[in-house]
Amino acid sequence: MLGFPKRSRQKSFSPWYGFLVLAVIAVAFGLKIVDAVRPDKVPTSNVPSIAYEDIKGDPEPEPVLDPEPTTTPDPEPIEPEPETLPVELNLAVPFTSQAPTGNWDALHEDACEEASFFMAVEYYAGRAAGKVDPAIVDPELYKMIDLETSLGMGYSISVAEAVTFIEEYYGLKAVVIDNPSVEDIKELVAAGKPVIVPAAGRELGNPNFTGEGPLYHMYVIRGYTADTFITNDPGTRNGENYVYDTDVVMDSMRDWNNGDPTTGAHRIFYIEPK
């Protein structure tokens, strides 16, 4: 009876197989390292947000009448404890990008100012935090830009022009602060007032910006931690709760300066609530 040769159960070792396994391990390990250090992984805030209605505080208490005078001498006055800011805070400012429908045409490329005004005003109006429906935002941006054009403003506007526009369009007051400190900004946010920041956009180093990024930019500071500012940056669809180091914000803070924001003045502004 003819037999067939028995097949060996032992597989022959191919040197390339070992190299392949090592290569897969090396690639996986390398991807983990790149994922950990790549610059486009910018953290977003996990600080809970606070609505304007919640941060306004209780109304002033009714004054208490002084009791009848007595002959007992008044005690020594006690020095009040200095007020301290919360360690971290995040206002519930609604978010929109400056191109809410994803149409980054020439008009929307320069609509960061209008988007920033919109977010701050909507916060005071009590709109819930989160992304605003593009169908609401986009027509509003066109209306704002039309008015700016009728007022003789260009696509990029200075802080002074922003104040004029806000008073004209919203009937609200905008307050400008020159050379603010980190503490000044935190105090405003802690008082429930989002801060609008003009910036030399390319100094922000935001990896979500296209190319070099905008020459001039505006965005909203909505919160802070010990060493960062929490922002709504309309220059990217990923701008909600976007975190910048305080040094980056302070160093890039620049007014329009007739098209040369790199040497513009350090200033911020905020909109007074109704």
C-alpha atoms as a PDB file:
ATOM      1  CA  MET A   1       0.000   0.000   0.000  1.00  0.00           C
ATOM      2  CA  LEU A   2       1.387   3.274  -0.996  1.00  0.00           C
ATOM      3  CA  GLY A   3       1.834   5.763   1.785  1.00  0.00           C
ATOM      4  CA  PHE A   4       2.065   9.508   1.767  1.00  0.00           C
ATOM      5  CA  PRO A   5       4.908  11.298   3.462  1.00  0.00           C
ATOM      6  CA  LYS A   6       3.984  12.518   6.894  1.00  0.00           C
ATOM      7  CA  ARG A   7       3.737  16.316   7.310  1.00  0.00           C
ATOM      8  CA  SER A   8       5.826  17.719  10.035  1.00  0.00           C
ATOM      9  CA  ARG A   9       3.966  19.689  12.713  1.00  0.00           C
ATOM     10  CA  GLN A  10       6.988  21.936  13.181  1.00  0.00           C
ATOM     11  CA  LYS A  11       6.880  25.123  11.118  1.00  0.00           C
ATOM     12  CA  SER A  12      10.072  26.350   9.636  1.00  0.00           C
ATOM     13  CA  PHE A  13      11.247  29.719  10.996  1.00  0.00           C
ATOM     14  CA  SER A  14      11.432  32.576   8.545  1.00  0.00           C
ATOM     15  CA  PRO A  15      13.751  35.407   9.622  1.00  0.00           C
ATOM     16  CA  TRP A  16      11.513  38.050   8.033  1.00  0.00           C
ATOM     17  CA  TYR A  17       8.648  37.027  10.358  1.00  0.00           C
ATOM     18  CA  GLY A  18      10.555  38.143  13.430  1.00  0.00           C
ATOM     19  CA  PHE A  19      11.487  41.440  11.812  1.00  0.00           C
ATOM     20  CA  LEU A  20       7.821  42.015  10.923  1.00  0.00           C
ATOM     21  CA  VAL A  21       6.707  41.502  14.518  1.00  0.00           C
ATOM     22  CA  LEU A  22       9.372  43.912  15.782  1.00  0.00           C
ATOM     23  CA  ALA A  23       8.361  46.485  13.178  1.00  0.00           C
ATOM     24  CA  VAL A  24       4.679  46.322  14.206  1.00  0.00           C
ATOM     25  CA  ILE A  25       5.625  46.772  17.874  1.00  0.00           C
ATOM     26  CA  ALA A  26       7.900  49.709  17.035  1.00  0.00           C
ATOM     27  CA  VAL A  27       5.249  51.451  14.943  1.00  0.00           C
ATOM     28  CA  ALA A  28       2.585  51.033  17.652  1.00  0.00           C
ATOM     29  CA  PHE A  29       4.953  52.380  20.300  1.00  0.00           C
ATOM     30  CA  GLY A  30       5.946  55.291  18.054  1.00  0.00           C
ATOM     31  CA  LEU A  31       2.314  56.242  17.441  1.00  0.00           C
ATOM     32  CA  LYS A  32       1.691  56.381  21.177  1.00  0.00           C
ATOM     33  CA  ILE A  33       4.634  58.761  21.608  1.00  0.00           C
ATOM     34  CA  VAL A  34       3.495  60.987  18.723  1.00  0.00           C
ATOM     35  CA  ASP A  35      -0.063  60.985  20.036  1.00  0.00           C
ATOM     36  CA  ALA A  36       1.167  62.124  23.434  1.00  0.00           C
ATOM     37  CA  VAL A  37       3.358  64.999  22.259  1.00  0.00           C
ATOM     38  CA  ARG A  38       1.859  66.225  18.995  1.00  0.00           C
ATOM     39  CA  PRO A  39       1.060  69.950  19.156  1.00  0.00           C
ATOM     40  CA  ASP A  40      -2.477  69.689  17.797  1.00  0.00           C
ATOM     41  CA  LYS A  41      -3.650  67.896  20.920  1.00  0.00           C
ATOM     42  CA  VAL A  42      -4.684  71.046  22.742  1.00  0.00           C
ATOM     43  CA  PRO A  43      -6.570  70.405  25.986  1.00  0.00           C
ATOM     44  CA  THR A  44     -10.094  71.579  26.474  1.00  0.00           C
ATOM     45  CA  SER A  45     -11.399  72.576  29.854  1.00  0.00           C
ATOM     46  CA  ASN A  46     -13.119  70.161  32.193  1.00  0.00           C
ATOM     47  CA  VAL A  47     -14.016  72.969  34.608  1.00  0.00           C
ATOM     48  CA  PRO A  48     -17.823  72.995  35.081  1.00  0.00           C
ATOM     49  CA  SER A  49     -19.500  76.040  33.547  1.00  0.00           C
ATOM     50  CA  ILE A  50     -21.592  78.571  35.449  1.00  0.00           C
ATOM     51  CA  ALA A  51     -24.543  80.419  33.926  1.00  0.00           C
ATOM     52  CA  TYR A  52     -24.834  84.189  34.190  1.00  0.00           C
ATOM     53  CA  GLU A  53     -27.976  83.907  36.301  1.00  0.00           C
ATOM     54  CA  ASP A  54     -26.080  81.789  38.822  1.00  0.00           C
ATOM     55  CA  ILE A  55     -23.054  84.039  39.094  1.00  0.00           C
ATOM     56  CA  LYS A  56     -24.879  87.369  39.443  1.00  0.00           C
ATOM     57  CA  GLY A  57     -25.380  86.628  43.140  1.00  0.00           C
ATOM     58  CA  ASP A  58     -28.183  87.432  45.509  1.00  0.00           C
ATOM     59  CA  PRO A  59     -29.549  90.971  45.718  1.00  0.00           C
ATOM     60  CA  GLU A  60     -28.134  93.324  48.305  1.00  0.00           C
ATOM     61  CA  PRO A  61     -29.600  92.587  51.766  1.00  0.00           C
ATOM     62  CA  GLU A  62     -31.938  95.089  53.363  1.00  0.00           C
ATOM     63  CA  PRO A  63     -30.082  97.533  55.632  1.00  0.00           C
ATOM     64  CA  VAL A  64     -30.323  96.825  59.357  1.00  0.00           C
ATOM     65  CA  LEU A  65     -31.158  99.801  61.566  1.00  0.00           C
ATOM     66  CA  ASP A  66     -28.641 100.648  64.248  1.00  0.00           C
ATOM     67  CA  PRO A  67     -29.760  99.711  67.768  1.00  0.00           C
ATOM     68  CA  GLU A  68     -30.325 102.361  70.423  1.00  0.00           C
ATOM     69  CA  PRO A  69     -26.997 103.878  71.487  1.00  0.00           C
ATOM     70  CA  THR A  70     -25.528 102.601  74.727  1.00  0.00           C
ATOM     71  CA  THR A  71     -22.636 103.638  76.901  1.00  0.00           C
ATOM     72  CA  THR A  72     -20.754 100.464  76.029  1.00  0.00           C
ATOM     73  CA  PRO A  73     -17.660 101.413  74.045  1.00  0.00           C
ATOM     74  CA  ASP A  74     -17.497 100.168  70.503  1.00  0.00           C
ATOM     75  CA  PRO A  75     -15.224  97.175  69.992  1.00  0.00           C
ATOM     76  CA  GLU A  76     -12.069  97.535  67.993  1.00  0.00           C
ATOM     77  CA  PRO A  77     -12.883  97.351  64.270  1.00  0.00           C
ATOM     78  CA  ILE A  78     -12.023  94.064  62.628  1.00  0.00           C
ATOM     79  CA  GLU A  79     -10.170  94.297  59.346  1.00  0.00           C
ATOM     80  CA  PRO A  80     -12.168  92.481  56.653  1.00  0.00           C
ATOM     81  CA  GLU A  81     -10.598  89.446  55.072  1.00  0.00           C
ATOM     82  CA  PRO A  82      -9.270  90.231  51.592  1.00  0.00           C
ATOM     83  CA  GLU A  83     -11.480  88.806  48.881  1.00  0.00           C
ATOM     84  CA  THR A  84      -9.960  85.883  47.042  1.00  0.00           C
ATOM     85  CA  LEU A  85     -10.871  84.726  43.566  1.00  0.00           C
ATOM     86  CA  PRO A  86     -12.026  81.178  42.909  1.00  0.00           C
ATOM     87  CA  VAL A  87      -9.102  78.938  41.993  1.00  0.00           C
ATOM     88  CA  GLU A  88     -10.823  78.085  38.712  1.00  0.00           C
ATOM     89  CA  LEU A  89     -13.954  79.279  36.983  1.00  0.00           C
ATOM     90  CA  ASN A  90     -15.741  78.753  33.681  1.00  0.00           C
ATOM     91  CA  LEU A  91     -18.701  80.834  32.502  1.00  0.00           C
ATOM     92  CA  ALA A  92     -21.416  79.147  30.442  1.00  0.00           C
ATOM     93  CA  VAL A  93     -20.775  81.190  27.302  1.00  0.00           C
ATOM     94  CA  PRO A  94     -22.433  79.667  24.207  1.00  0.00           C
ATOM     95  CA  PHE A  95     -20.133  78.917  21.289  1.00  0.00           C
ATOM     96  CA  THR A  96     -20.063  79.552  17.578  1.00  0.00           C
ATOM     97  CA  SER A  97     -17.250  79.565  15.093  1.00  0.00           C
ATOM     98  CA  GLN A  98     -16.945  82.563  12.804  1.00  0.00           C
ATOM     99  CA  ALA A  99     -17.926  80.251   9.929  1.00  0.00           C
ATOM    100  CA  PRO A 100     -20.848  78.447  11.565  1.00  0.00           C
ATOM    101  CA  THR A 101     -21.940  76.633   8.391  1.00  0.00           C
ATOM    102  CA  GLY A 102     -18.372  75.662   7.488  1.00  0.00           C
ATOM    103  CA  ASN A 103     -18.187  78.238   4.686  1.00  0.00           C
ATOM    104  CA  TRP A 104     -14.738  79.788   5.160  1.00  0.00           C
ATOM    105  CA  ASP A 105     -15.061  82.412   2.432  1.00  0.00           C
ATOM    106  CA  ALA A 106     -13.451  85.846   2.587  1.00  0.00           C
ATOM    107  CA  LEU A 107     -16.296  87.288   4.649  1.00  0.00           C
ATOM    108  CA  HIS A 108     -16.222  84.537   7.278  1.00  0.00           C
ATOM    109  CA  GLU A 109     -12.426  84.517   7.397  1.00  0.00           C
ATOM    110  CA  ASP A 110     -12.703  87.957   9.014  1.00  0.00           C
ATOM    111  CA  ALA A 111     -15.826  87.419  11.126  1.00  0.00           C
ATOM    112  CA  CYS A 112     -14.086  86.598  14.412  1.00  0.00           C
ATOM    113  CA  GLU A 113     -15.025  89.976  15.910  1.00  0.00           C
ATOM    114  CA  GLU A 114     -18.733  89.596  15.168  1.00  0.00           C
ATOM    115  CA  ALA A 115     -18.779  85.993  16.401  1.00  0.00           C
ATOM    116  CA  SER A 116     -17.112  87.095  19.656  1.00  0.00           C
ATOM    117  CA  PHE A 117     -19.664  89.885  20.212  1.00  0.00           C
ATOM    118  CA  PHE A 118     -22.469  87.424  19.502  1.00  0.00           C
ATOM    119  CA  MET A 119     -21.228  84.900  22.071  1.00  0.00           C
ATOM    120  CA  ALA A 120     -20.849  87.481  24.844  1.00  0.00           C
ATOM    121  CA  VAL A 121     -24.283  89.024  24.248  1.00  0.00           C
ATOM    122  CA  GLU A 122     -25.977  85.624  24.051  1.00  0.00           C
ATOM    123  CA  TYR A 123     -24.406  84.674  27.386  1.00  0.00           C
ATOM    124  CA  TYR A 124     -25.993  87.691  29.065  1.00  0.00           C
ATOM    125  CA  ALA A 125     -29.284  86.895  27.335  1.00  0.00           C
ATOM    126  CA  GLY A 126     -29.307  83.522  29.071  1.00  0.00           C
ATOM    127  CA  ARG A 127     -28.722  81.250  26.093  1.00  0.00           C
ATOM    128  CA  ALA A 128     -27.542  77.836  27.255  1.00  0.00           C
ATOM    129  CA  ALA A 129     -23.905  76.886  26.883  1.00  0.00           C
ATOM    130  CA  GLY A 130     -22.913  74.740  23.920  1.00  0.00           C
ATOM    131  CA  LYS A 131     -22.865  75.268  20.185  1.00  0.00           C
ATOM    132  CA  VAL A 132     -25.450  77.690  18.807  1.00  0.00           C
ATOM    133  CA  ASP A 133     -27.463  76.577  15.776  1.00  0.00           C
ATOM    134  CA  PRO A 134     -25.657  77.852  12.630  1.00  0.00           C
ATOM    135  CA  ALA A 135     -29.057  78.790  11.168  1.00  0.00           C
ATOM    136  CA  ILE A 136     -29.341  81.370  13.969  1.00  0.00           C
ATOM    137  CA  VAL A 137     -25.778  82.643  13.900  1.00  0.00           C
ATOM    138  CA  ASP A 138     -24.979  83.019  10.214  1.00  0.00           C
ATOM    139  CA  PRO A 139     -27.755  85.500   9.295  1.00  0.00           C
ATOM    140  CA  GLU A 140     -26.802  87.504  12.377  1.00  0.00           C
ATOM    141  CA  LEU A 141     -23.181  87.721  11.247  1.00  0.00           C
ATOM    142  CA  TYR A 142     -24.289  89.082   7.857  1.00  0.00           C
ATOM    143  CA  LYS A 143     -26.436  91.752   9.555  1.00  0.00           C
ATOM    144  CA  MET A 144     -23.558  92.808  11.768  1.00  0.00           C
ATOM    145  CA  ILE A 145     -21.134  93.044   8.877  1.00  0.00           C
ATOM    146  CA  ASP A 146     -23.640  95.067   6.839  1.00  0.00           C
ATOM    147  CA  LEU A 147     -23.911  97.612   9.656  1.00  0.00           C
ATOM    148  CA  GLU A 148     -20.139  97.788  10.069  1.00  0.00           C
ATOM    149  CA  THR A 149     -19.831  98.480   6.353  1.00  0.00           C
ATOM    150  CA  SER A 150     -22.426 101.255   6.573  1.00  0.00           C
ATOM    151  CA  LEU A 151     -20.409 102.755   9.441  1.00  0.00           C
ATOM    152  CA  GLY A 152     -17.297 102.802   7.255  1.00  0.00           C
ATOM    153  CA  MET A 153     -15.545  99.914   9.010  1.00  0.00           C
ATOM    154  CA  GLY A 154     -13.478  97.261   7.278  1.00  0.00           C
ATOM    155  CA  TYR A 155     -13.618  93.502   7.797  1.00  0.00           C
ATOM    156  CA  SER A 156     -11.041  93.763  10.611  1.00  0.00           C
ATOM    157  CA  ILE A 157     -12.008  96.275  13.278  1.00  0.00           C
ATOM    158  CA  SER A 158     -10.153  97.832  16.171  1.00  0.00           C
ATOM    159  CA  VAL A 159     -11.279  97.829  19.784  1.00  0.00           C
ATOM    160  CA  ALA A 160     -12.468 101.433  19.447  1.00  0.00           C
ATOM    161  CA  GLU A 161     -14.577 100.494  16.416  1.00  0.00           C
ATOM    162  CA  ALA A 162     -15.899  97.466  18.299  1.00  0.00           C
ATOM    163  CA  VAL A 163     -17.133  99.748  21.098  1.00  0.00           C
ATOM    164  CA  THR A 164     -18.887 102.006  18.571  1.00  0.00           C
ATOM    165  CA  PHE A 165     -20.482  99.030  16.850  1.00  0.00           C
ATOM    166  CA  ILE A 166     -21.696  97.366  20.062  1.00  0.00           C
ATOM    167  CA  GLU A 167     -23.339 100.579  21.249  1.00  0.00           C
ATOM    168  CA  GLU A 168     -24.947 101.100  17.822  1.00  0.00           C
ATOM    169  CA  TYR A 169     -26.083  97.529  17.159  1.00  0.00           C
ATOM    170  CA  TYR A 170     -26.912  96.189  20.607  1.00  0.00           C
ATOM    171  CA  GLY A 171     -27.507  99.381  22.548  1.00  0.00           C
ATOM    172  CA  LEU A 172     -25.111  98.080  25.199  1.00  0.00           C
ATOM    173  CA  LYS A 173     -21.980  99.527  26.722  1.00  0.00           C
ATOM    174  CA  ALA A 174     -18.503  98.161  26.068  1.00  0.00           C
ATOM    175  CA  VAL A 175     -15.740  98.895  28.576  1.00  0.00           C
ATOM    176  CA  VAL A 176     -12.090  99.006  27.466  1.00  0.00           C
ATOM    177  CA  ILE A 177      -9.159  98.202  29.764  1.00  0.00           C
ATOM    178  CA  ASP A 178      -5.636  99.086  28.683  1.00  0.00           C
ATOM    179  CA  ASN A 179      -2.637  97.009  29.760  1.00  0.00           C
ATOM    180  CA  PRO A 180      -4.641  94.512  31.815  1.00  0.00           C
ATOM    181  CA  SER A 181      -2.944  92.019  34.093  1.00  0.00           C
ATOM    182  CA  VAL A 182      -3.788  88.339  34.408  1.00  0.00           C
ATOM    183  CA  GLU A 183      -5.439  89.183  37.718  1.00  0.00           C
ATOM    184  CA  ASP A 184      -7.558  91.912  36.075  1.00  0.00           C
ATOM    185  CA  ILE A 185      -8.925  89.408  33.568  1.00  0.00           C
ATOM    186  CA  LYS A 186      -9.632  86.798  36.235  1.00  0.00           C
ATOM    187  CA  GLU A 187     -11.478  89.370  38.350  1.00  0.00           C
ATOM    188  CA  LEU A 188     -13.739  90.273  35.424  1.00  0.00           C
ATOM    189  CA  VAL A 189     -14.510  86.638  34.676  1.00  0.00           C
ATOM    190  CA  ALA A 190     -15.131  85.943  38.362  1.00  0.00           C
ATOM    191  CA  ALA A 191     -17.624  88.835  38.294  1.00  0.00           C
ATOM    192  CA  GLY A 192     -19.507  87.055  35.512  1.00  0.00           C
ATOM    193  CA  LYS A 193     -18.162  89.142  32.629  1.00  0.00           C
ATOM    194  CA  PRO A 194     -16.656  87.359  29.606  1.00  0.00           C
ATOM    195  CA  VAL A 195     -13.629  89.208  28.253  1.00  0.00           C
ATOM    196  CA  ILE A 196     -13.090  89.859  24.540  1.00  0.00           C
ATOM    197  CA  VAL A 197      -9.446  89.815  23.489  1.00  0.00           C
ATOM    198  CA  PRO A 198      -7.918  91.246  20.302  1.00  0.00           C
ATOM    199  CA  ALA A 199      -4.771  89.409  19.267  1.00  0.00           C
ATOM    200  CA  ALA A 200      -1.949  89.120  16.803  1.00  0.00           C
ATOM    201  CA  GLY A 201      -3.421  85.820  15.660  1.00  0.00           C
ATOM    202  CA  ARG A 202      -0.257  84.152  14.442  1.00  0.00           C
ATOM    203  CA  GLU A 203       1.293  84.501  17.887  1.00  0.00           C
ATOM    204  CA  LEU A 204      -1.430  82.330  19.426  1.00  0.00           C
ATOM    205  CA  GLY A 205       0.106  79.183  17.961  1.00  0.00           C
ATOM    206  CA  ASN A 206      -3.268  77.498  17.528  1.00  0.00           C
ATOM    207  CA  PRO A 207      -2.659  74.300  15.504  1.00  0.00           C
ATOM    208  CA  ASN A 208      -6.274  74.318  14.285  1.00  0.00           C
ATOM    209  CA  PHE A 209      -5.745  77.509  12.297  1.00  0.00           C
ATOM    210  CA  THR A 210      -5.123  77.105   8.593  1.00  0.00           C
ATOM    211  CA  GLY A 211      -1.597  77.928   7.442  1.00  0.00           C
ATOM    212  CA  GLU A 212       0.023  80.672   9.484  1.00  0.00           C
ATOM    213  CA  GLY A 213      -3.283  81.632  11.027  1.00  0.00           C
ATOM    214  CA  PRO A 214      -5.022  85.014  10.974  1.00  0.00           C
ATOM    215  CA  LEU A 215      -2.952  88.180  11.082  1.00  0.00           C
ATOM    216  CA  TYR A 216      -5.535  89.664  13.462  1.00  0.00           C
ATOM    217  CA  HIS A 217      -7.992  87.811  15.641  1.00  0.00           C
ATOM    218  CA  MET A 218     -10.589  88.196  18.404  1.00  0.00           C
ATOM    219  CA  TYR A 219     -11.886  85.614  20.824  1.00  0.00           C
ATOM    220  CA  VAL A 220     -13.653  85.348  24.197  1.00  0.00           C
ATOM    221  CA  ILE A 221     -12.132  84.446  27.551  1.00  0.00           C
ATOM    222  CA  ARG A 222     -14.833  82.606  29.478  1.00  0.00           C
ATOM    223  CA  GLY A 223     -12.848  81.112  32.344  1.00  0.00           C
ATOM    224  CA  TYR A 224      -9.501  80.316  33.868  1.00  0.00           C
ATOM    225  CA  THR A 225      -7.458  77.862  35.906  1.00  0.00           C
ATOM    226  CA  ALA A 226      -4.248  78.532  37.805  1.00  0.00           C
ATOM    227  CA  ASP A 227      -2.126  79.041  34.694  1.00  0.00           C
ATOM    228  CA  THR A 228      -4.495  78.933  31.720  1.00  0.00           C
ATOM    229  CA  PHE A 229      -7.372  80.874  30.238  1.00  0.00           C
ATOM    230  CA  ILE A 230     -10.429  78.977  29.025  1.00  0.00           C
ATOM    231  CA  THR A 231     -11.696  80.518  25.800  1.00  0.00           C
ATOM    232  CA  ASN A 232     -14.337  80.331  23.119  1.00  0.00           C
ATOM    233  CA  ASP A 233     -12.162  80.830  20.058  1.00  0.00           C
ATOM    234  CA  PRO A 234     -14.321  81.345  16.944  1.00  0.00           C
ATOM    235  CA  GLY A 235     -11.350  80.831  14.635  1.00  0.00           C
ATOM    236  CA  THR A 236     -11.870  77.060  14.685  1.00  0.00           C
ATOM    237  CA  ARG A 237     -14.828  74.722  14.942  1.00  0.00           C
ATOM    238  CA  ASN A 238     -12.907  73.132  17.840  1.00  0.00           C
ATOM    239  CA  GLY A 239     -12.772  76.432  19.713  1.00  0.00           C
ATOM    240  CA  GLU A 240     -15.320  75.748  22.473  1.00  0.00           C
ATOM    241  CA  ASN A 241     -13.589  75.662  25.890  1.00  0.00           C
ATOM    242  CA  TYR A 242     -10.246  76.013  24.112  1.00  0.00           C
ATOM    243  CA  VAL A 243      -7.357  76.384  26.555  1.00  0.00           C
ATOM    244  CA  TYR A 244      -4.454  78.817  26.104  1.00  0.00           C
ATOM    245  CA  ASP A 245      -1.610  79.319  28.556  1.00  0.00           C
ATOM    246  CA  THR A 246      -1.871  82.696  30.272  1.00  0.00           C
ATOM    247  CA  ASP A 247       1.522  83.710  28.843  1.00  0.00           C
ATOM    248  CA  VAL A 248       0.310  83.036  25.297  1.00  0.00           C
ATOM    249  CA  VAL A 249      -2.783  85.178  25.830  1.00  0.00           C
ATOM    250  CA  MET A 250      -0.891  88.063  27.398  1.00  0.00           C
ATOM    251  CA  ASP A 251       1.953  88.059  24.860  1.00  0.00           C
ATOM    252  CA  SER A 252      -0.326  87.902  21.791  1.00  0.00           C
ATOM    253  CA  MET A 253      -2.879  90.438  23.081  1.00  0.00           C
ATOM    254  CA  ARG A 254      -2.770  93.257  20.477  1.00  0.00           C
ATOM    255  CA  ASP A 255      -5.179  95.795  19.013  1.00  0.00           C
ATOM    256  CA  TRP A 256      -5.629  96.178  15.243  1.00  0.00           C
ATOM    257  CA  ASN A 257      -3.262  99.147  14.947  1.00  0.00           C
ATOM    258  CA  ASN A 258      -4.174  99.993  11.343  1.00  0.00           C
ATOM    259  CA  GLY A 259      -3.248  96.544  10.084  1.00  0.00           C
ATOM    260  CA  ASP A 260      -0.088  95.992  12.151  1.00  0.00           C
ATOM    261  CA  PRO A 261      -1.334  94.107  15.218  1.00  0.00           C
ATOM    262  CA  THR A 262       2.130  92.802  16.065  1.00  0.00           C
ATOM    263  CA  THR A 263       2.876  96.278  17.497  1.00  0.00           C
ATOM    264  CA  GLY A 264      -0.669  97.076  18.618  1.00  0.00           C
ATOM    265  CA  ALA A 265      -1.637  98.148  22.121  1.00  0.00           C
ATOM    266  CA  HIS A 266      -2.352  95.634  24.870  1.00  0.00           C
ATOM    267  CA  ARG A 267      -6.042  95.980  25.657  1.00  0.00           C
ATOM    268  CA  ILE A 268      -9.223  94.053  26.246  1.00  0.00           C
ATOM    269  CA  PHE A 269     -12.886  94.940  26.536  1.00  0.00           C
ATOM    270  CA  TYR A 270     -16.109  93.518  27.870  1.00  0.00           C
ATOM    271  CA  ILE A 271     -19.780  94.180  27.264  1.00  0.00           C
ATOM    272  CA  GLU A 272     -21.917  95.451  30.111  1.00  0.00           C
ATOM    273  CA  PRO A 273     -25.046  93.370  30.720  1.00  0.00           C
ATOM    274  CA  LYS A 274     -28.473  94.888  30.286  1.00  0.00           C
END
